[in-house]
Amino acid sequence: MATVSPEQPASEPFDLGKELRALVLATAPRLFAVARIHPYEDTGESDVEIAAWGMAHEDGRTEVVGPGQRLVLTSPERVQAWFSRNGVTAQLVWLAPATVASLGPDLAA
C-alpha cells in the first residue's frame, strides 16, 4: 500500500510493467528498411527490393541484417553508401517510432 505525505496529492501505486514499457519506448533504436533501386537501362523503369533491415542507435552506431549478412557501421549514411553499388541506388525507409509496448508475446494494444 502506497503512503502519501500531507503536502502531496494521492499517488497511484508503483506499476513496474508500466515503467518498463515506458523505458523501452524511450530508448528504442530507430528502425529502417534498406531498399535497393535497380534501374532497367532499356526501359528507364526501376525495380525495388528490400535488401536488409536496420537499427540506428542514439550514439550513431547502426546495425543492419540481410540475407547472409550482418553489418555494424558508424551511421545510417554509411549503410546507404554500402548498399549503393554498381549502378544500384540504396534508399533508407524509416519506420515511425513505436508508441505502444507489450510485456507479452501478443501484439501491443
N, C-alpha and C. Protein backbone atom coordinates (compact mmCIF):
# COMPACT_ATOMS: atom_id res chain seq x y z
N MET A 1 0.84 -1.17 0.00
CA MET A 1 0.00 0.00 0.00
C MET A 1 0.89 1.24 0.00
N ALA A 2 0.58 2.18 -0.89
CA ALA A 2 1.37 3.39 -1.02
C ALA A 2 1.00 4.37 0.08
N THR A 3 2.00 5.11 0.56
CA THR A 3 1.74 6.15 1.55
C THR A 3 1.99 7.50 0.91
N VAL A 4 1.25 8.52 1.36
CA VAL A 4 1.35 9.85 0.78
C VAL A 4 1.50 10.85 1.91
N SER A 5 2.47 11.77 1.74
CA SER A 5 2.62 12.82 2.75
C SER A 5 1.49 13.84 2.57
N PRO A 6 1.15 14.59 3.60
CA PRO A 6 0.02 15.53 3.51
C PRO A 6 0.19 16.59 2.42
N GLU A 7 1.45 16.96 2.05
CA GLU A 7 1.66 18.00 1.04
C GLU A 7 1.46 17.48 -0.39
N GLN A 8 1.52 16.18 -0.60
CA GLN A 8 1.44 15.61 -1.94
C GLN A 8 0.04 15.07 -2.21
N PRO A 9 -0.42 15.21 -3.46
CA PRO A 9 -1.70 14.60 -3.79
C PRO A 9 -1.57 13.08 -3.77
N ALA A 10 -2.69 12.39 -3.70
CA ALA A 10 -2.67 10.93 -3.69
C ALA A 10 -1.98 10.41 -4.94
N SER A 11 -1.12 9.42 -4.78
CA SER A 11 -0.43 8.86 -5.94
C SER A 11 -0.86 7.41 -6.15
N GLU A 12 -0.68 6.96 -7.37
CA GLU A 12 -1.01 5.58 -7.70
C GLU A 12 0.12 4.68 -7.23
N PRO A 13 -0.15 3.43 -6.94
CA PRO A 13 0.93 2.51 -6.57
C PRO A 13 1.89 2.33 -7.75
N PHE A 14 3.13 2.03 -7.43
CA PHE A 14 4.16 1.84 -8.47
C PHE A 14 3.79 0.67 -9.36
N ASP A 15 3.84 0.89 -10.67
CA ASP A 15 3.50 -0.14 -11.66
C ASP A 15 4.77 -0.45 -12.46
N LEU A 16 5.47 -1.53 -12.10
CA LEU A 16 6.73 -1.89 -12.76
C LEU A 16 6.52 -2.13 -14.25
N GLY A 17 5.45 -2.81 -14.62
CA GLY A 17 5.19 -3.08 -16.03
C GLY A 17 5.05 -1.79 -16.83
N LYS A 18 4.32 -0.83 -16.28
CA LYS A 18 4.13 0.46 -16.95
C LYS A 18 5.47 1.19 -17.10
N GLU A 19 6.27 1.19 -16.05
CA GLU A 19 7.58 1.85 -16.10
C GLU A 19 8.51 1.17 -17.10
N LEU A 20 8.48 -0.16 -17.14
CA LEU A 20 9.31 -0.90 -18.07
C LEU A 20 8.93 -0.61 -19.52
N ARG A 21 7.63 -0.60 -19.80
CA ARG A 21 7.18 -0.28 -21.17
C ARG A 21 7.58 1.12 -21.56
N ALA A 22 7.47 2.08 -20.65
CA ALA A 22 7.86 3.46 -20.95
C ALA A 22 9.36 3.56 -21.22
N LEU A 23 10.17 2.84 -20.45
CA LEU A 23 11.62 2.83 -20.66
C LEU A 23 11.98 2.26 -22.03
N VAL A 24 11.33 1.18 -22.41
CA VAL A 24 11.57 0.56 -23.72
C VAL A 24 11.24 1.54 -24.84
N LEU A 25 10.09 2.19 -24.76
CA LEU A 25 9.70 3.14 -25.80
C LEU A 25 10.65 4.33 -25.87
N ALA A 26 11.15 4.77 -24.72
CA ALA A 26 12.04 5.94 -24.68
C ALA A 26 13.45 5.63 -25.22
N THR A 27 13.87 4.39 -25.15
CA THR A 27 15.25 4.06 -25.53
C THR A 27 15.35 3.19 -26.78
N ALA A 28 14.25 2.91 -27.43
CA ALA A 28 14.26 2.03 -28.61
C ALA A 28 15.07 2.65 -29.74
N PRO A 29 15.86 1.84 -30.46
CA PRO A 29 16.57 2.35 -31.63
C PRO A 29 15.57 2.66 -32.75
N ARG A 30 15.98 3.52 -33.67
CA ARG A 30 15.13 3.81 -34.83
C ARG A 30 15.29 2.68 -35.84
N LEU A 31 14.18 2.22 -36.39
CA LEU A 31 14.19 1.10 -37.32
C LEU A 31 14.00 1.59 -38.76
N PHE A 32 14.66 0.89 -39.69
CA PHE A 32 14.52 1.24 -41.09
C PHE A 32 14.72 0.02 -41.98
N ALA A 33 14.24 0.13 -43.20
CA ALA A 33 14.49 -0.86 -44.24
C ALA A 33 15.48 -0.26 -45.22
N VAL A 34 16.31 -1.11 -45.82
CA VAL A 34 17.22 -0.67 -46.87
C VAL A 34 16.62 -1.14 -48.19
N ALA A 35 16.13 -0.20 -48.98
CA ALA A 35 15.58 -0.51 -50.29
C ALA A 35 16.65 -0.27 -51.34
N ARG A 36 16.82 -1.23 -52.23
CA ARG A 36 17.77 -1.08 -53.35
C ARG A 36 16.96 -0.90 -54.63
N ILE A 37 17.31 0.15 -55.38
CA ILE A 37 16.59 0.50 -56.60
C ILE A 37 17.47 0.14 -57.78
N HIS A 38 16.99 -0.81 -58.59
CA HIS A 38 17.72 -1.31 -59.75
C HIS A 38 17.11 -0.70 -61.01
N PRO A 39 17.84 0.15 -61.73
CA PRO A 39 17.27 0.70 -62.97
C PRO A 39 17.40 -0.28 -64.13
N TYR A 40 16.39 -0.30 -64.97
CA TYR A 40 16.45 -1.06 -66.22
C TYR A 40 16.93 -0.10 -67.30
N GLU A 41 18.09 -0.38 -67.89
CA GLU A 41 18.67 0.54 -68.88
C GLU A 41 17.81 0.68 -70.12
N ASP A 42 17.18 -0.41 -70.55
CA ASP A 42 16.45 -0.37 -71.81
C ASP A 42 15.10 0.32 -71.72
N THR A 43 14.48 0.35 -70.54
CA THR A 43 13.14 0.95 -70.42
C THR A 43 13.12 2.23 -69.60
N GLY A 44 14.15 2.48 -68.81
CA GLY A 44 14.16 3.65 -67.94
C GLY A 44 13.34 3.45 -66.67
N GLU A 45 12.76 2.28 -66.50
CA GLU A 45 11.99 1.98 -65.29
C GLU A 45 12.90 1.37 -64.24
N SER A 46 12.37 1.15 -63.06
CA SER A 46 13.17 0.61 -61.96
C SER A 46 12.47 -0.53 -61.26
N ASP A 47 13.25 -1.36 -60.64
CA ASP A 47 12.75 -2.43 -59.78
C ASP A 47 13.30 -2.16 -58.38
N VAL A 48 12.52 -2.48 -57.35
CA VAL A 48 12.93 -2.22 -55.98
C VAL A 48 12.89 -3.51 -55.17
N GLU A 49 13.88 -3.69 -54.30
CA GLU A 49 13.89 -4.82 -53.38
C GLU A 49 14.24 -4.32 -51.99
N ILE A 50 13.75 -4.99 -50.97
CA ILE A 50 14.19 -4.71 -49.61
C ILE A 50 15.38 -5.62 -49.36
N ALA A 51 16.56 -5.01 -49.26
CA ALA A 51 17.81 -5.77 -49.16
C ALA A 51 18.17 -6.11 -47.72
N ALA A 52 17.71 -5.30 -46.76
CA ALA A 52 18.08 -5.51 -45.36
C ALA A 52 17.19 -4.67 -44.46
N TRP A 53 17.32 -4.95 -43.17
CA TRP A 53 16.64 -4.17 -42.13
C TRP A 53 17.69 -3.65 -41.16
N GLY A 54 17.46 -2.45 -40.63
CA GLY A 54 18.46 -1.88 -39.75
C GLY A 54 17.90 -1.20 -38.51
N MET A 55 18.82 -0.98 -37.56
CA MET A 55 18.52 -0.26 -36.32
C MET A 55 19.60 0.80 -36.13
N ALA A 56 19.18 2.03 -35.95
CA ALA A 56 20.11 3.13 -35.68
C ALA A 56 20.00 3.49 -34.20
N HIS A 57 21.12 3.40 -33.51
CA HIS A 57 21.14 3.69 -32.08
C HIS A 57 21.43 5.18 -31.85
N GLU A 58 21.14 5.63 -30.63
CA GLU A 58 21.31 7.04 -30.28
C GLU A 58 22.73 7.55 -30.50
N ASP A 59 23.73 6.70 -30.29
CA ASP A 59 25.13 7.11 -30.45
C ASP A 59 25.59 7.09 -31.91
N GLY A 60 24.70 6.74 -32.84
CA GLY A 60 25.03 6.71 -34.26
C GLY A 60 25.32 5.32 -34.79
N ARG A 61 25.76 4.42 -33.91
CA ARG A 61 26.06 3.05 -34.34
C ARG A 61 24.81 2.46 -34.99
N THR A 62 25.03 1.80 -36.12
CA THR A 62 23.92 1.28 -36.90
C THR A 62 24.17 -0.18 -37.25
N GLU A 63 23.20 -1.03 -36.93
CA GLU A 63 23.29 -2.45 -37.23
C GLU A 63 22.32 -2.78 -38.35
N VAL A 64 22.80 -3.62 -39.29
CA VAL A 64 22.00 -3.99 -40.44
C VAL A 64 22.06 -5.51 -40.62
N VAL A 65 20.89 -6.10 -40.87
CA VAL A 65 20.81 -7.55 -41.10
C VAL A 65 20.07 -7.79 -42.40
N GLY A 66 20.68 -8.60 -43.25
CA GLY A 66 20.06 -9.00 -44.51
C GLY A 66 20.38 -10.46 -44.75
N PRO A 67 19.85 -11.02 -45.81
CA PRO A 67 20.14 -12.43 -46.11
C PRO A 67 21.65 -12.69 -46.19
N GLY A 68 22.14 -13.50 -45.28
CA GLY A 68 23.55 -13.87 -45.29
C GLY A 68 24.53 -12.81 -44.84
N GLN A 69 24.05 -11.73 -44.25
CA GLN A 69 24.99 -10.69 -43.81
C GLN A 69 24.49 -9.96 -42.57
N ARG A 70 25.46 -9.52 -41.79
CA ARG A 70 25.19 -8.68 -40.61
C ARG A 70 26.30 -7.65 -40.57
N LEU A 71 25.93 -6.38 -40.59
CA LEU A 71 26.90 -5.29 -40.59
C LEU A 71 26.69 -4.39 -39.39
N VAL A 72 27.78 -3.83 -38.89
CA VAL A 72 27.72 -2.78 -37.88
C VAL A 72 28.53 -1.63 -38.44
N LEU A 73 27.86 -0.51 -38.72
CA LEU A 73 28.51 0.65 -39.31
C LEU A 73 28.34 1.85 -38.38
N THR A 74 29.03 2.94 -38.70
CA THR A 74 29.05 4.10 -37.81
C THR A 74 27.85 5.02 -37.95
N SER A 75 27.08 4.88 -39.04
CA SER A 75 25.93 5.76 -39.22
C SER A 75 24.99 5.19 -40.28
N PRO A 76 23.74 5.66 -40.30
CA PRO A 76 22.82 5.25 -41.35
C PRO A 76 23.32 5.67 -42.74
N GLU A 77 24.00 6.79 -42.84
CA GLU A 77 24.52 7.25 -44.12
C GLU A 77 25.53 6.25 -44.69
N ARG A 78 26.32 5.63 -43.82
CA ARG A 78 27.28 4.61 -44.26
C ARG A 78 26.55 3.38 -44.79
N VAL A 79 25.41 3.06 -44.19
CA VAL A 79 24.61 1.93 -44.67
C VAL A 79 24.15 2.21 -46.09
N GLN A 80 23.65 3.41 -46.31
CA GLN A 80 23.16 3.78 -47.63
C GLN A 80 24.29 3.69 -48.65
N ALA A 81 25.47 4.17 -48.30
CA ALA A 81 26.62 4.09 -49.21
C ALA A 81 27.03 2.63 -49.46
N TRP A 82 26.99 1.80 -48.43
CA TRP A 82 27.39 0.39 -48.55
C TRP A 82 26.51 -0.35 -49.57
N PHE A 83 25.21 -0.07 -49.55
CA PHE A 83 24.28 -0.78 -50.42
C PHE A 83 24.11 -0.12 -51.80
N SER A 84 24.71 1.07 -51.99
CA SER A 84 24.64 1.75 -53.29
C SER A 84 25.90 1.40 -54.08
N ARG A 85 25.78 0.43 -54.97
CA ARG A 85 26.94 -0.01 -55.76
C ARG A 85 26.50 -0.45 -57.15
N ASN A 86 27.45 -0.38 -58.07
CA ASN A 86 27.25 -0.91 -59.42
C ASN A 86 25.96 -0.42 -60.08
N GLY A 87 25.69 0.87 -60.00
CA GLY A 87 24.50 1.42 -60.63
C GLY A 87 23.22 1.25 -59.84
N VAL A 88 23.30 0.62 -58.67
CA VAL A 88 22.13 0.43 -57.82
C VAL A 88 22.15 1.50 -56.74
N THR A 89 21.01 2.13 -56.52
CA THR A 89 20.89 3.18 -55.51
C THR A 89 20.16 2.61 -54.29
N ALA A 90 20.69 2.88 -53.12
CA ALA A 90 20.02 2.45 -51.89
C ALA A 90 19.26 3.63 -51.29
N GLN A 91 18.12 3.34 -50.71
CA GLN A 91 17.30 4.34 -50.03
C GLN A 91 16.89 3.76 -48.68
N LEU A 92 17.09 4.52 -47.61
CA LEU A 92 16.64 4.09 -46.30
C LEU A 92 15.19 4.53 -46.13
N VAL A 93 14.35 3.61 -45.67
CA VAL A 93 12.94 3.90 -45.42
C VAL A 93 12.72 3.73 -43.92
N TRP A 94 12.48 4.84 -43.23
CA TRP A 94 12.37 4.84 -41.77
C TRP A 94 10.97 4.49 -41.33
N LEU A 95 10.87 3.63 -40.33
CA LEU A 95 9.58 3.32 -39.72
C LEU A 95 9.29 4.37 -38.65
N ALA A 96 8.03 4.63 -38.42
CA ALA A 96 7.63 5.59 -37.39
C ALA A 96 8.05 5.06 -36.03
N PRO A 97 8.38 5.95 -35.10
CA PRO A 97 8.73 5.49 -33.75
C PRO A 97 7.57 4.72 -33.12
N ALA A 98 7.91 3.72 -32.34
CA ALA A 98 6.90 2.93 -31.65
C ALA A 98 6.18 3.78 -30.61
N THR A 99 4.89 3.51 -30.44
CA THR A 99 4.10 4.26 -29.45
C THR A 99 3.48 3.35 -28.39
N VAL A 100 3.58 2.04 -28.60
CA VAL A 100 2.97 1.09 -27.67
C VAL A 100 3.94 -0.07 -27.46
N ALA A 101 4.04 -0.57 -26.24
CA ALA A 101 4.87 -1.74 -25.94
C ALA A 101 4.06 -2.71 -25.10
N SER A 102 4.36 -4.00 -25.26
CA SER A 102 3.64 -5.04 -24.53
C SER A 102 4.65 -5.95 -23.83
N LEU A 103 4.30 -6.46 -22.66
CA LEU A 103 5.17 -7.39 -21.94
C LEU A 103 4.94 -8.82 -22.38
N GLY A 104 3.88 -9.07 -23.14
CA GLY A 104 3.59 -10.43 -23.60
C GLY A 104 3.90 -10.58 -25.08
N PRO A 105 3.82 -11.80 -25.57
CA PRO A 105 4.11 -12.04 -26.98
C PRO A 105 2.99 -11.59 -27.92
N ASP A 106 1.85 -11.22 -27.36
CA ASP A 106 0.74 -10.75 -28.18
C ASP A 106 1.08 -9.39 -28.76
N LEU A 107 0.32 -8.99 -29.73
CA LEU A 107 0.51 -7.66 -30.30
C LEU A 107 0.25 -6.62 -29.23
N ALA A 108 1.03 -5.55 -29.26
CA ALA A 108 0.83 -4.47 -28.30
C ALA A 108 -0.54 -3.85 -28.52
N ALA A 109 -1.22 -3.58 -27.44
CA ALA A 109 -2.56 -2.98 -27.56
C ALA A 109 -2.60 -1.63 -26.88
